[in-house]
Every structure is written in structure tokens, then in C-alpha cells.
Amino acid sequence: MPVLLQICLVIVTIAVVTIAVATIRVMQHFRKSSDEFSRLAGEARQVIDQLTNVAHDAQEIVGTFRDIAPRVRRVMDRFEAVGERAVTLTDTVIQEVELPVRAAVAIIRGFRYGARQFVERLTQRFSGRVSTNGGRNHE
């Protein structure tokens, strides 16, 4: 065989070996990448399953709130009605009790003041001296 042909055969063999080594390395990287993608896909499935469970739980909670909301509204309406009745009752008590009591207290104070003045005048008339209340004519 001629030398040139042998050199070309050696070069081709080295090229084939280099291509084979490069292909093996690429295959290893590809295998590592595919293993990583498989691991990520497994984790993604777990996350998706968890999200599905969370979504299901959220649907149950929303359904429960839908069931409870009318009851809560009725309770709030009742509280509002009770509050309005309490305000009406308080207003009635103020109008029917407080105002007459204040009037009675004013009448009693007026009567006491008038009685005190009357007693002082009688005391002055019969004794000729002023009472000892310090000159105060009010409470």
C-alpha cells in the first residue's frame, strides 16, 4: 500500500475515532439531560398533583362559603333589626321617662328653693336675723 493511502487511512481512522468519542460524549450529555428532564417531569407531576389538591380544597371552601353566606346574611339582618329595635326602645325610654323625670327634678328643685326662701323670710321676720347658709340661695 502506498504511504499516502496509509496516511489517509490513519487520518480517517483518527477522525472516525474522534467522531465516535464526540458522539459518546454527546450521548452522555444527552443522557444526563434526559435524566434531569425526567426528574424535573416527576417533580412537575408532584407539583401539579398538589395544585390539583389545592384547587379541589379551594372549590370545597368556596362551596362551603356559598352555603354559609345566606345564613350569615340572615344573621346580620337579624342583628340589624335588633339594633334598630334597641335604638327605638332607647329613644322611647328617653322620650317617655327621661323628660318627665327631668321635669319632676326641676319641680322638686324649684319647690326646695321656694321652701328655703319661704323659711328664710319667716326666720327674718320673726327673729330679725339672716339664716346661716352663707348667703347662698342655690345648690
C-alpha atoms as a PDB file:
ATOM      1  CA  MET A   1       0.000   0.000   0.000  1.00  0.00           C
ATOM      2  CA  PRO A   2       1.271   3.320  -0.775  1.00  0.00           C
ATOM      3  CA  VAL A   3       2.308   5.543   2.041  1.00  0.00           C
ATOM      4  CA  LEU A   4      -0.147   8.258   1.129  1.00  0.00           C
ATOM      5  CA  LEU A   5      -3.004   5.827   1.299  1.00  0.00           C
ATOM      6  CA  GLN A   6      -1.820   4.571   4.679  1.00  0.00           C
ATOM      7  CA  ILE A   7      -1.589   8.159   5.981  1.00  0.00           C
ATOM      8  CA  CYS A   8      -5.089   8.872   4.698  1.00  0.00           C
ATOM      9  CA  LEU A   9      -6.344   5.660   6.302  1.00  0.00           C
ATOM     10  CA  VAL A  10      -4.755   6.653   9.635  1.00  0.00           C
ATOM     11  CA  ILE A  11      -6.283  10.144   9.369  1.00  0.00           C
ATOM     12  CA  VAL A  12      -9.709   8.687   8.536  1.00  0.00           C
ATOM     13  CA  THR A  13      -9.396   6.221  11.428  1.00  0.00           C
ATOM     14  CA  ILE A  14      -8.441   9.037  13.823  1.00  0.00           C
ATOM     15  CA  ALA A  15     -11.377  11.097  12.507  1.00  0.00           C
ATOM     16  CA  VAL A  16     -13.781   8.178  12.976  1.00  0.00           C
ATOM     17  CA  VAL A  17     -12.439   7.570  16.491  1.00  0.00           C
ATOM     18  CA  THR A  18     -12.751  11.315  17.262  1.00  0.00           C
ATOM     19  CA  ILE A  19     -16.278  11.363  15.907  1.00  0.00           C
ATOM     20  CA  ALA A  20     -17.091   8.255  17.947  1.00  0.00           C
ATOM     21  CA  VAL A  21     -15.649   9.827  21.123  1.00  0.00           C
ATOM     22  CA  ALA A  22     -17.539  13.067  20.451  1.00  0.00           C
ATOM     23  CA  THR A  23     -20.723  11.113  19.795  1.00  0.00           C
ATOM     24  CA  ILE A  24     -20.264   9.169  23.037  1.00  0.00           C
ATOM     25  CA  ARG A  25     -19.769  12.413  24.961  1.00  0.00           C
ATOM     26  CA  VAL A  26     -22.813  13.974  23.333  1.00  0.00           C
ATOM     27  CA  MET A  27     -24.793  10.846  24.165  1.00  0.00           C
ATOM     28  CA  GLN A  28     -23.636  11.066  27.800  1.00  0.00           C
ATOM     29  CA  HIS A  29     -24.650  14.721  27.978  1.00  0.00           C
ATOM     30  CA  PHE A  30     -27.922  13.837  26.301  1.00  0.00           C
ATOM     31  CA  ARG A  31     -28.478  11.028  28.822  1.00  0.00           C
ATOM     32  CA  LYS A  32     -27.723  13.391  31.730  1.00  0.00           C
ATOM     33  CA  SER A  33     -30.050  15.959  30.258  1.00  0.00           C
ATOM     34  CA  SER A  34     -32.803  13.415  29.703  1.00  0.00           C
ATOM     35  CA  ASP A  35     -32.339  12.129  33.281  1.00  0.00           C
ATOM     36  CA  GLU A  36     -32.591  15.715  34.536  1.00  0.00           C
ATOM     37  CA  PHE A  37     -35.702  16.310  32.429  1.00  0.00           C
ATOM     38  CA  SER A  38     -37.204  13.074  33.758  1.00  0.00           C
ATOM     39  CA  ARG A  39     -36.504  14.170  37.321  1.00  0.00           C
ATOM     40  CA  LEU A  40     -37.994  17.606  36.624  1.00  0.00           C
ATOM     41  CA  ALA A  41     -41.018  15.983  34.966  1.00  0.00           C
ATOM     42  CA  GLY A  42     -41.542  13.841  38.082  1.00  0.00           C
ATOM     43  CA  GLU A  43     -41.318  16.911  40.308  1.00  0.00           C
ATOM     44  CA  ALA A  44     -43.654  18.775  37.962  1.00  0.00           C
ATOM     45  CA  ARG A  45     -46.163  15.918  38.239  1.00  0.00           C
ATOM     46  CA  GLN A  46     -45.966  16.132  42.031  1.00  0.00           C
ATOM     47  CA  VAL A  47     -46.452  19.897  41.938  1.00  0.00           C
ATOM     48  CA  ILE A  48     -49.371  19.520  39.533  1.00  0.00           C
ATOM     49  CA  ASP A  49     -50.927  16.897  41.810  1.00  0.00           C
ATOM     50  CA  GLN A  50     -50.501  19.222  44.785  1.00  0.00           C
ATOM     51  CA  LEU A  51     -52.002  22.119  42.820  1.00  0.00           C
ATOM     52  CA  THR A  52     -54.900  19.882  41.839  1.00  0.00           C
ATOM     53  CA  ASN A  53     -55.463  19.021  45.514  1.00  0.00           C
ATOM     54  CA  VAL A  54     -55.244  22.697  46.469  1.00  0.00           C
ATOM     55  CA  ALA A  55     -57.707  23.613  43.722  1.00  0.00           C
ATOM     56  CA  HIS A  56     -60.071  20.885  44.908  1.00  0.00           C
ATOM     57  CA  ASP A  57     -59.805  22.116  48.511  1.00  0.00           C
ATOM     58  CA  ALA A  58     -60.386  25.682  47.341  1.00  0.00           C
ATOM     59  CA  GLN A  59     -63.502  24.574  45.480  1.00  0.00           C
ATOM     60  CA  GLU A  60     -64.769  22.905  48.645  1.00  0.00           C
ATOM     61  CA  ILE A  61     -64.088  26.052  50.667  1.00  0.00           C
ATOM     62  CA  VAL A  62     -65.835  28.234  48.098  1.00  0.00           C
ATOM     63  CA  GLY A  63     -68.778  25.838  48.085  1.00  0.00           C
ATOM     64  CA  THR A  64     -68.926  25.980  51.872  1.00  0.00           C
ATOM     65  CA  PHE A  65     -68.853  29.789  51.780  1.00  0.00           C
ATOM     66  CA  ARG A  66     -71.658  29.747  49.226  1.00  0.00           C
ATOM     67  CA  ASP A  67     -73.697  27.609  51.599  1.00  0.00           C
ATOM     68  CA  ILE A  68     -72.860  29.749  54.633  1.00  0.00           C
ATOM     69  CA  ALA A  69     -73.219  33.190  53.028  1.00  0.00           C
ATOM     70  CA  PRO A  70     -77.056  33.263  53.015  1.00  0.00           C
ATOM     71  CA  ARG A  71     -77.126  32.188  56.657  1.00  0.00           C
ATOM     72  CA  VAL A  72     -74.615  34.867  57.602  1.00  0.00           C
ATOM     73  CA  ARG A  73     -76.671  37.450  55.716  1.00  0.00           C
ATOM     74  CA  ARG A  74     -79.806  36.389  57.599  1.00  0.00           C
ATOM     75  CA  VAL A  75     -77.962  36.621  60.923  1.00  0.00           C
ATOM     76  CA  MET A  76     -76.646  40.080  60.009  1.00  0.00           C
ATOM     77  CA  ASP A  77     -80.157  41.158  59.017  1.00  0.00           C
ATOM     78  CA  ARG A  78     -81.414  39.949  62.383  1.00  0.00           C
ATOM     79  CA  PHE A  79     -78.649  41.840  64.181  1.00  0.00           C
ATOM     80  CA  GLU A  80     -79.576  44.940  62.218  1.00  0.00           C
ATOM     81  CA  ALA A  81     -83.248  44.521  63.154  1.00  0.00           C
ATOM     82  CA  VAL A  82     -82.320  44.024  66.826  1.00  0.00           C
ATOM     83  CA  GLY A  83     -80.094  47.114  66.700  1.00  0.00           C
ATOM     84  CA  GLU A  84     -82.882  49.190  65.196  1.00  0.00           C
ATOM     85  CA  ARG A  85     -85.295  47.941  67.852  1.00  0.00           C
ATOM     86  CA  ALA A  86     -82.765  48.806  70.578  1.00  0.00           C
ATOM     87  CA  VAL A  87     -82.409  52.325  69.194  1.00  0.00           C
ATOM     88  CA  THR A  88     -86.185  52.699  69.032  1.00  0.00           C
ATOM     89  CA  LEU A  89     -86.533  51.414  72.592  1.00  0.00           C
ATOM     90  CA  THR A  90     -83.821  53.770  73.834  1.00  0.00           C
ATOM     91  CA  ASP A  91     -85.460  56.705  72.103  1.00  0.00           C
ATOM     92  CA  THR A  92     -88.822  55.748  73.611  1.00  0.00           C
ATOM     93  CA  VAL A  93     -87.290  55.457  77.093  1.00  0.00           C
ATOM     94  CA  ILE A  94     -85.666  58.856  76.708  1.00  0.00           C
ATOM     95  CA  GLN A  95     -88.885  60.453  75.474  1.00  0.00           C
ATOM     96  CA  GLU A  96     -91.227  58.731  77.954  1.00  0.00           C
ATOM     97  CA  VAL A  97     -89.042  58.501  81.060  1.00  0.00           C
ATOM     98  CA  GLU A  98     -86.123  60.908  80.993  1.00  0.00           C
ATOM     99  CA  LEU A  99     -88.015  64.051  80.034  1.00  0.00           C
ATOM    100  CA  PRO A 100     -90.736  63.606  82.713  1.00  0.00           C
ATOM    101  CA  VAL A 101     -88.067  62.727  85.300  1.00  0.00           C
ATOM    102  CA  ARG A 102     -86.133  65.862  84.409  1.00  0.00           C
ATOM    103  CA  ALA A 103     -89.330  67.891  84.718  1.00  0.00           C
ATOM    104  CA  ALA A 104     -90.041  66.312  88.124  1.00  0.00           C
ATOM    105  CA  VAL A 105     -86.485  67.030  89.289  1.00  0.00           C
ATOM    106  CA  ALA A 106     -86.829  70.645  88.150  1.00  0.00           C
ATOM    107  CA  ILE A 107     -90.139  70.944  90.019  1.00  0.00           C
ATOM    108  CA  ILE A 108     -88.595  69.454  93.179  1.00  0.00           C
ATOM    109  CA  ARG A 109     -85.611  71.823  92.961  1.00  0.00           C
ATOM    110  CA  GLY A 110     -87.967  74.741  92.470  1.00  0.00           C
ATOM    111  CA  PHE A 111     -90.071  73.632  95.410  1.00  0.00           C
ATOM    112  CA  ARG A 112     -86.963  73.264  97.618  1.00  0.00           C
ATOM    113  CA  TYR A 113     -85.726  76.684  96.590  1.00  0.00           C
ATOM    114  CA  GLY A 114     -89.119  78.214  97.195  1.00  0.00           C
ATOM    115  CA  ALA A 115     -89.423  76.471 100.572  1.00  0.00           C
ATOM    116  CA  ARG A 116     -85.951  77.633 101.574  1.00  0.00           C
ATOM    117  CA  GLN A 117     -86.778  81.200 100.584  1.00  0.00           C
ATOM    118  CA  PHE A 118     -90.053  80.992 102.490  1.00  0.00           C
ATOM    119  CA  VAL A 119     -88.301  79.672 105.628  1.00  0.00           C
ATOM    120  CA  GLU A 120     -85.618  82.375 105.374  1.00  0.00           C
ATOM    121  CA  ARG A 121     -88.255  85.112 105.101  1.00  0.00           C
ATOM    122  CA  LEU A 122     -90.133  83.729 108.063  1.00  0.00           C
ATOM    123  CA  THR A 123     -86.898  83.496 110.043  1.00  0.00           C
ATOM    124  CA  GLN A 124     -86.045  87.092 109.179  1.00  0.00           C
ATOM    125  CA  ARG A 125     -89.484  88.297 110.071  1.00  0.00           C
ATOM    126  CA  PHE A 126     -89.635  86.625 113.487  1.00  0.00           C
ATOM    127  CA  SER A 127     -86.019  86.854 114.552  1.00  0.00           C
ATOM    128  CA  GLY A 128     -84.738  89.782 112.637  1.00  0.00           C
ATOM    129  CA  ARG A 129     -81.623  87.942 111.516  1.00  0.00           C
ATOM    130  CA  VAL A 130     -80.474  86.293 108.325  1.00  0.00           C
ATOM    131  CA  SER A 131     -80.185  82.500 108.044  1.00  0.00           C
ATOM    132  CA  THR A 132     -76.738  80.902 108.260  1.00  0.00           C
ATOM    133  CA  ASN A 133     -76.461  79.380 104.839  1.00  0.00           C
ATOM    134  CA  GLY A 134     -73.652  81.732 103.881  1.00  0.00           C
ATOM    135  CA  GLY A 135     -75.795  83.835 101.633  1.00  0.00           C
ATOM    136  CA  ARG A 136     -76.128  81.118  99.036  1.00  0.00           C
ATOM    137  CA  ASN A 137     -79.558  80.780  97.537  1.00  0.00           C
ATOM    138  CA  HIS A 138     -78.868  77.878  95.251  1.00  0.00           C
ATOM    139  CA  GLU A 139     -77.497  74.371  95.493  1.00  0.00           C
END
